[in-house]
Amino acid sequence: MNVGQADRTAKMSANQYDLDYYTKAHAAKQQMIEQGLYNSLAALQQGYKNWNKNKQFNRMMALYGG
């Protein structure tokens, strides 16, 4: 009787550890995905800003005959 109870307790403890480990790993993975998306959007935004500044500069040069 006690052996079965000890076995159940050990399995429950191991399952809880696995769940905690999975939860932490999943949260870290999600955070990396979100950071990657944020970095990608920031790079696109910066590229658009640079493209727009270049376009404005070219228009000004064309306006002044440069």
PDB file of N, CA and C in Angstrom:
ATOM      1  N   MET A   1       0.814  -1.188   0.000  1.00  0.00           N
ATOM      2  CA  MET A   1       0.000   0.000   0.000  1.00  0.00           C
ATOM      3  C   MET A   1       0.866   1.263   0.000  1.00  0.00           C
ATOM      4  N   ASN A   2       1.854   1.292   0.882  1.00  0.00           N
ATOM      5  CA  ASN A   2       2.724   2.456   0.975  1.00  0.00           C
ATOM      6  C   ASN A   2       3.609   2.602  -0.259  1.00  0.00           C
ATOM      7  N   VAL A   3       3.972   1.474  -0.860  1.00  0.00           N
ATOM      8  CA  VAL A   3       4.812   1.522  -2.060  1.00  0.00           C
ATOM      9  C   VAL A   3       4.049   2.190  -3.197  1.00  0.00           C
ATOM     10  N   GLY A   4       2.779   1.846  -3.353  1.00  0.00           N
ATOM     11  CA  GLY A   4       1.952   2.454  -4.391  1.00  0.00           C
ATOM     12  C   GLY A   4       1.786   3.946  -4.171  1.00  0.00           C
ATOM     13  N   GLN A   5       1.577   4.336  -2.926  1.00  0.00           N
ATOM     14  CA  GLN A   5       1.430   5.756  -2.601  1.00  0.00           C
ATOM     15  C   GLN A   5       2.721   6.514  -2.895  1.00  0.00           C
ATOM     16  N   ALA A   6       3.860   5.939  -2.545  1.00  0.00           N
ATOM     17  CA  ALA A   6       5.144   6.579  -2.812  1.00  0.00           C
ATOM     18  C   ALA A   6       5.372   6.711  -4.316  1.00  0.00           C
ATOM     19  N   ASP A   7       4.972   5.680  -5.058  1.00  0.00           N
ATOM     20  CA  ASP A   7       5.122   5.730  -6.515  1.00  0.00           C
ATOM     21  C   ASP A   7       4.243   6.823  -7.107  1.00  0.00           C
ATOM     22  N   ARG A   8       2.992   6.927  -6.640  1.00  0.00           N
ATOM     23  CA  ARG A   8       2.089   7.981  -7.131  1.00  0.00           C
ATOM     24  C   ARG A   8       2.631   9.365  -6.791  1.00  0.00           C
ATOM     25  N   THR A   9       3.142   9.509  -5.609  1.00  0.00           N
ATOM     26  CA  THR A   9       3.696  10.797  -5.191  1.00  0.00           C
ATOM     27  C   THR A   9       4.896  11.171  -6.062  1.00  0.00           C
ATOM     28  N   ALA A  10       5.752  10.208  -6.347  1.00  0.00           N
ATOM     29  CA  ALA A  10       6.922  10.474  -7.188  1.00  0.00           C
ATOM     30  C   ALA A  10       6.501  10.854  -8.603  1.00  0.00           C
ATOM     31  N   LYS A  11       5.500  10.156  -9.143  1.00  0.00           N
ATOM     32  CA  LYS A  11       5.025  10.472 -10.495  1.00  0.00           C
ATOM     33  C   LYS A  11       4.384  11.853 -10.556  1.00  0.00           C
ATOM     34  N   MET A  12       3.608  12.187  -9.534  1.00  0.00           N
ATOM     35  CA  MET A  12       2.976  13.511  -9.497  1.00  0.00           C
ATOM     36  C   MET A  12       4.032  14.609  -9.402  1.00  0.00           C
ATOM     37  N   SER A  13       5.057  14.354  -8.613  1.00  0.00           N
ATOM     38  CA  SER A  13       6.144  15.322  -8.480  1.00  0.00           C
ATOM     39  C   SER A  13       6.875  15.496  -9.806  1.00  0.00           C
ATOM     40  N   ALA A  14       7.133  14.391 -10.488  1.00  0.00           N
ATOM     41  CA  ALA A  14       7.813  14.462 -11.787  1.00  0.00           C
ATOM     42  C   ALA A  14       6.938  15.158 -12.813  1.00  0.00           C
ATOM     43  N   ASN A  15       5.652  14.881 -12.810  1.00  0.00           N
ATOM     44  CA  ASN A  15       4.740  15.539 -13.743  1.00  0.00           C
ATOM     45  C   ASN A  15       4.681  17.039 -13.491  1.00  0.00           C
ATOM     46  N   GLN A  16       4.686  17.432 -12.226  1.00  0.00           N
ATOM     47  CA  GLN A  16       4.673  18.858 -11.897  1.00  0.00           C
ATOM     48  C   GLN A  16       5.953  19.530 -12.380  1.00  0.00           C
ATOM     49  N   TYR A  17       7.084  18.853 -12.198  1.00  0.00           N
ATOM     50  CA  TYR A  17       8.357  19.397 -12.683  1.00  0.00           C
ATOM     51  C   TYR A  17       8.325  19.552 -14.196  1.00  0.00           C
ATOM     52  N   ASP A  18       7.811  18.531 -14.901  1.00  0.00           N
ATOM     53  CA  ASP A  18       7.724  18.599 -16.364  1.00  0.00           C
ATOM     54  C   ASP A  18       6.829  19.744 -16.809  1.00  0.00           C
ATOM     55  N   LEU A  19       5.712  19.926 -16.119  1.00  0.00           N
ATOM     56  CA  LEU A  19       4.796  21.009 -16.463  1.00  0.00           C
ATOM     57  C   LEU A  19       5.451  22.365 -16.240  1.00  0.00           C
ATOM     58  N   ASP A  20       6.132  22.512 -15.116  1.00  0.00           N
ATOM     59  CA  ASP A  20       6.822  23.786 -14.837  1.00  0.00           C
ATOM     60  C   ASP A  20       7.902  24.060 -15.881  1.00  0.00           C
ATOM     61  N   TYR A  21       8.661  23.030 -16.215  1.00  0.00           N
ATOM     62  CA  TYR A  21       9.721  23.182 -17.215  1.00  0.00           C
ATOM     63  C   TYR A  21       9.136  23.559 -18.570  1.00  0.00           C
ATOM     64  N   TYR A  22       8.064  22.881 -18.981  1.00  0.00           N
ATOM     65  CA  TYR A  22       7.411  23.182 -20.249  1.00  0.00           C
ATOM     66  C   TYR A  22       6.875  24.608 -20.262  1.00  0.00           C
ATOM     67  N   THR A  23       6.260  25.012 -19.160  1.00  0.00           N
ATOM     68  CA  THR A  23       5.692  26.359 -19.081  1.00  0.00           C
ATOM     69  C   THR A  23       6.777  27.424 -19.243  1.00  0.00           C
ATOM     70  N   LYS A  24       7.886  27.237 -18.555  1.00  0.00           N
ATOM     71  CA  LYS A  24       8.989  28.203 -18.649  1.00  0.00           C
ATOM     72  C   LYS A  24       9.605  28.204 -20.049  1.00  0.00           C
ATOM     73  N   ALA A  25       9.782  27.031 -20.625  1.00  0.00           N
ATOM     74  CA  ALA A  25      10.364  26.944 -21.965  1.00  0.00           C
ATOM     75  C   ALA A  25       9.441  27.574 -22.995  1.00  0.00           C
ATOM     76  N   HIS A  26       8.146  27.327 -22.868  1.00  0.00           N
ATOM     77  CA  HIS A  26       7.180  27.883 -23.812  1.00  0.00           C
ATOM     78  C   HIS A  26       7.146  29.406 -23.702  1.00  0.00           C
ATOM     79  N   ALA A  27       7.188  29.919 -22.481  1.00  0.00           N
ATOM     80  CA  ALA A  27       7.187  31.367 -22.277  1.00  0.00           C
ATOM     81  C   ALA A  27       8.439  32.000 -22.890  1.00  0.00           C
ATOM     82  N   ALA A  28       9.574  31.359 -22.725  1.00  0.00           N
ATOM     83  CA  ALA A  28      10.819  31.886 -23.305  1.00  0.00           C
ATOM     84  C   ALA A  28      10.755  31.866 -24.825  1.00  0.00           C
ATOM     85  N   LYS A  29      10.199  30.800 -25.380  1.00  0.00           N
ATOM     86  CA  LYS A  29      10.068  30.692 -26.837  1.00  0.00           C
ATOM     87  C   LYS A  29       9.148  31.793 -27.362  1.00  0.00           C
ATOM     88  N   GLN A  30       8.031  32.012 -26.706  1.00  0.00           N
ATOM     89  CA  GLN A  30       7.103  33.061 -27.124  1.00  0.00           C
ATOM     90  C   GLN A  30       7.760  34.430 -27.045  1.00  0.00           C
ATOM     91  N   GLN A  31       8.541  34.646 -26.000  1.00  0.00           N
ATOM     92  CA  GLN A  31       9.212  35.934 -25.843  1.00  0.00           C
ATOM     93  C   GLN A  31      10.218  36.153 -26.974  1.00  0.00           C
ATOM     94  N   MET A  32      10.931  35.103 -27.368  1.00  0.00           N
ATOM     95  CA  MET A  32      11.885  35.234 -28.472  1.00  0.00           C
ATOM     96  C   MET A  32      11.153  35.510 -29.790  1.00  0.00           C
ATOM     97  N   ILE A  33      10.026  34.853 -29.994  1.00  0.00           N
ATOM     98  CA  ILE A  33       9.249  35.084 -31.209  1.00  0.00           C
ATOM     99  C   ILE A  33       8.768  36.533 -31.248  1.00  0.00           C
ATOM    100  N   GLU A  34       8.233  37.012 -30.140  1.00  0.00           N
ATOM    101  CA  GLU A  34       7.747  38.390 -30.078  1.00  0.00           C
ATOM    102  C   GLU A  34       8.880  39.388 -30.295  1.00  0.00           C
ATOM    103  N   GLN A  35      10.040  39.118 -29.705  1.00  0.00           N
ATOM    104  CA  GLN A  35      11.186  40.017 -29.882  1.00  0.00           C
ATOM    105  C   GLN A  35      11.642  40.022 -31.340  1.00  0.00           C
ATOM    106  N   GLY A  36      11.633  38.853 -31.969  1.00  0.00           N
ATOM    107  CA  GLY A  36      12.006  38.784 -33.379  1.00  0.00           C
ATOM    108  C   GLY A  36      11.044  39.557 -34.261  1.00  0.00           C
ATOM    109  N   LEU A  37       9.755  39.447 -33.994  1.00  0.00           N
ATOM    110  CA  LEU A  37       8.765  40.209 -34.763  1.00  0.00           C
ATOM    111  C   LEU A  37       8.945  41.707 -34.546  1.00  0.00           C
ATOM    112  N   TYR A  38       9.182  42.088 -33.300  1.00  0.00           N
ATOM    113  CA  TYR A  38       9.395  43.497 -32.994  1.00  0.00           C
ATOM    114  C   TYR A  38      10.618  44.028 -33.737  1.00  0.00           C
ATOM    115  N   ASN A  39      11.710  43.255 -33.726  1.00  0.00           N
ATOM    116  CA  ASN A  39      12.925  43.680 -34.413  1.00  0.00           C
ATOM    117  C   ASN A  39      12.702  43.782 -35.919  1.00  0.00           C
ATOM    118  N   SER A  40      11.947  42.845 -36.487  1.00  0.00           N
ATOM    119  CA  SER A  40      11.663  42.883 -37.919  1.00  0.00           C
ATOM    120  C   SER A  40      10.850  44.123 -38.280  1.00  0.00           C
ATOM    121  N   LEU A  41       9.841  44.410 -37.482  1.00  0.00           N
ATOM    122  CA  LEU A  41       9.025  45.596 -37.751  1.00  0.00           C
ATOM    123  C   LEU A  41       9.826  46.877 -37.570  1.00  0.00           C
ATOM    124  N   ALA A  42      10.692  46.903 -36.583  1.00  0.00           N
ATOM    125  CA  ALA A  42      11.534  48.083 -36.368  1.00  0.00           C
ATOM    126  C   ALA A  42      12.478  48.282 -37.551  1.00  0.00           C
ATOM    127  N   ALA A  43      13.019  47.204 -38.092  1.00  0.00           N
ATOM    128  CA  ALA A  43      13.904  47.310 -39.251  1.00  0.00           C
ATOM    129  C   ALA A  43      13.131  47.791 -40.475  1.00  0.00           C
ATOM    130  N   LEU A  44      11.924  47.294 -40.673  1.00  0.00           N
ATOM    131  CA  LEU A  44      11.109  47.763 -41.793  1.00  0.00           C
ATOM    132  C   LEU A  44      10.774  49.237 -41.650  1.00  0.00           C
ATOM    133  N   GLN A  45      10.440  49.647 -40.437  1.00  0.00           N
ATOM    134  CA  GLN A  45      10.113  51.051 -40.204  1.00  0.00           C
ATOM    135  C   GLN A  45      11.321  51.939 -40.469  1.00  0.00           C
ATOM    136  N   GLN A  46      12.486  51.532 -40.011  1.00  0.00           N
ATOM    137  CA  GLN A  46      13.693  52.322 -40.251  1.00  0.00           C
ATOM    138  C   GLN A  46      14.025  52.369 -41.740  1.00  0.00           C
ATOM    139  N   GLY A  47      13.841  51.257 -42.437  1.00  0.00           N
ATOM    140  CA  GLY A  47      14.072  51.243 -43.880  1.00  0.00           C
ATOM    141  C   GLY A  47      13.130  52.176 -44.612  1.00  0.00           C
ATOM    142  N   TYR A  48      11.873  52.208 -44.186  1.00  0.00           N
ATOM    143  CA  TYR A  48      10.917  53.126 -44.811  1.00  0.00           C
ATOM    144  C   TYR A  48      11.302  54.575 -44.541  1.00  0.00           C
ATOM    145  N   LYS A  49      11.742  54.856 -43.319  1.00  0.00           N
ATOM    146  CA  LYS A  49      12.169  56.226 -43.002  1.00  0.00           C
ATOM    147  C   LYS A  49      13.346  56.639 -43.888  1.00  0.00           C
ATOM    148  N   ASN A  50      14.326  55.731 -44.037  1.00  0.00           N
ATOM    149  CA  ASN A  50      15.482  56.042 -44.876  1.00  0.00           C
ATOM    150  C   ASN A  50      15.080  56.232 -46.331  1.00  0.00           C
ATOM    151  N   TRP A  51      14.184  55.376 -46.817  1.00  0.00           N
ATOM    152  CA  TRP A  51      13.711  55.491 -48.202  1.00  0.00           C
ATOM    153  C   TRP A  51      13.004  56.820 -48.410  1.00  0.00           C
ATOM    154  N   ASN A  52      12.189  57.216 -47.440  1.00  0.00           N
ATOM    155  CA  ASN A  52      11.442  58.463 -47.549  1.00  0.00           C
ATOM    156  C   ASN A  52      12.383  59.667 -47.515  1.00  0.00           C
ATOM    157  N   LYS A  53      13.387  59.644 -46.648  1.00  0.00           N
ATOM    158  CA  LYS A  53      14.352  60.749 -46.595  1.00  0.00           C
ATOM    159  C   LYS A  53      15.119  60.854 -47.911  1.00  0.00           C
ATOM    160  N   ASN A  54      15.491  59.719 -48.472  1.00  0.00           N
ATOM    161  CA  ASN A  54      16.208  59.714 -49.741  1.00  0.00           C
ATOM    162  C   ASN A  54      15.327  60.272 -50.859  1.00  0.00           C
ATOM    163  N   LYS A  55      14.070  59.897 -50.844  1.00  0.00           N
ATOM    164  CA  LYS A  55      13.134  60.391 -51.860  1.00  0.00           C
ATOM    165  C   LYS A  55      12.962  61.902 -51.748  1.00  0.00           C
ATOM    166  N   GLN A  56      12.820  62.399 -50.523  1.00  0.00           N
ATOM    167  CA  GLN A  56      12.695  63.842 -50.318  1.00  0.00           C
ATOM    168  C   GLN A  56      13.966  64.566 -50.766  1.00  0.00           C
ATOM    169  N   PHE A  57      15.122  64.006 -50.459  1.00  0.00           N
ATOM    170  CA  PHE A  57      16.385  64.612 -50.864  1.00  0.00           C
ATOM    171  C   PHE A  57      16.481  64.677 -52.390  1.00  0.00           C
ATOM    172  N   ASN A  58      16.126  63.589 -53.053  1.00  0.00           N
ATOM    173  CA  ASN A  58      16.176  63.585 -54.516  1.00  0.00           C
ATOM    174  C   ASN A  58      15.227  64.602 -55.125  1.00  0.00           C
ATOM    175  N   ARG A  59      14.062  64.777 -54.527  1.00  0.00           N
ATOM    176  CA  ARG A  59      13.113  65.791 -55.021  1.00  0.00           C
ATOM    177  C   ARG A  59      13.672  67.193 -54.848  1.00  0.00           C
ATOM    178  N   MET A  60      14.312  67.439 -53.698  1.00  0.00           N
ATOM    179  CA  MET A  60      14.904  68.760 -53.470  1.00  0.00           C
ATOM    180  C   MET A  60      16.054  69.020 -54.444  1.00  0.00           C
ATOM    181  N   MET A  61      16.854  67.997 -54.703  1.00  0.00           N
ATOM    182  CA  MET A  61      17.945  68.155 -55.657  1.00  0.00           C
ATOM    183  C   MET A  61      17.399  68.424 -57.055  1.00  0.00           C
ATOM    184  N   ALA A  62      16.332  67.756 -57.416  1.00  0.00           N
ATOM    185  CA  ALA A  62      15.727  67.980 -58.730  1.00  0.00           C
ATOM    186  C   ALA A  62      15.134  69.379 -58.812  1.00  0.00           C
ATOM    187  N   LEU A  63      14.578  69.847 -57.706  1.00  0.00           N
ATOM    188  CA  LEU A  63      13.973  71.183 -57.673  1.00  0.00           C
ATOM    189  C   LEU A  63      15.033  72.261 -57.868  1.00  0.00           C
ATOM    190  N   TYR A  64      16.203  72.069 -57.274  1.00  0.00           N
ATOM    191  CA  TYR A  64      17.260  73.071 -57.379  1.00  0.00           C
ATOM    192  C   TYR A  64      18.253  72.758 -58.487  1.00  0.00           C
ATOM    193  N   GLY A  65      17.921  71.838 -59.316  1.00  0.00           N
ATOM    194  CA  GLY A  65      18.748  71.557 -60.478  1.00  0.00           C
ATOM    195  C   GLY A  65      20.000  70.778 -60.183  1.00  0.00           C
ATOM    196  N   GLY A  66      20.018  70.060 -59.084  1.00  0.00           N
ATOM    197  CA  GLY A  66      21.225  69.317 -58.711  1.00  0.00           C
ATOM    198  C   GLY A  66      21.170  67.972 -59.250  1.00  0.00           C
TER     199      GLY A  66
END
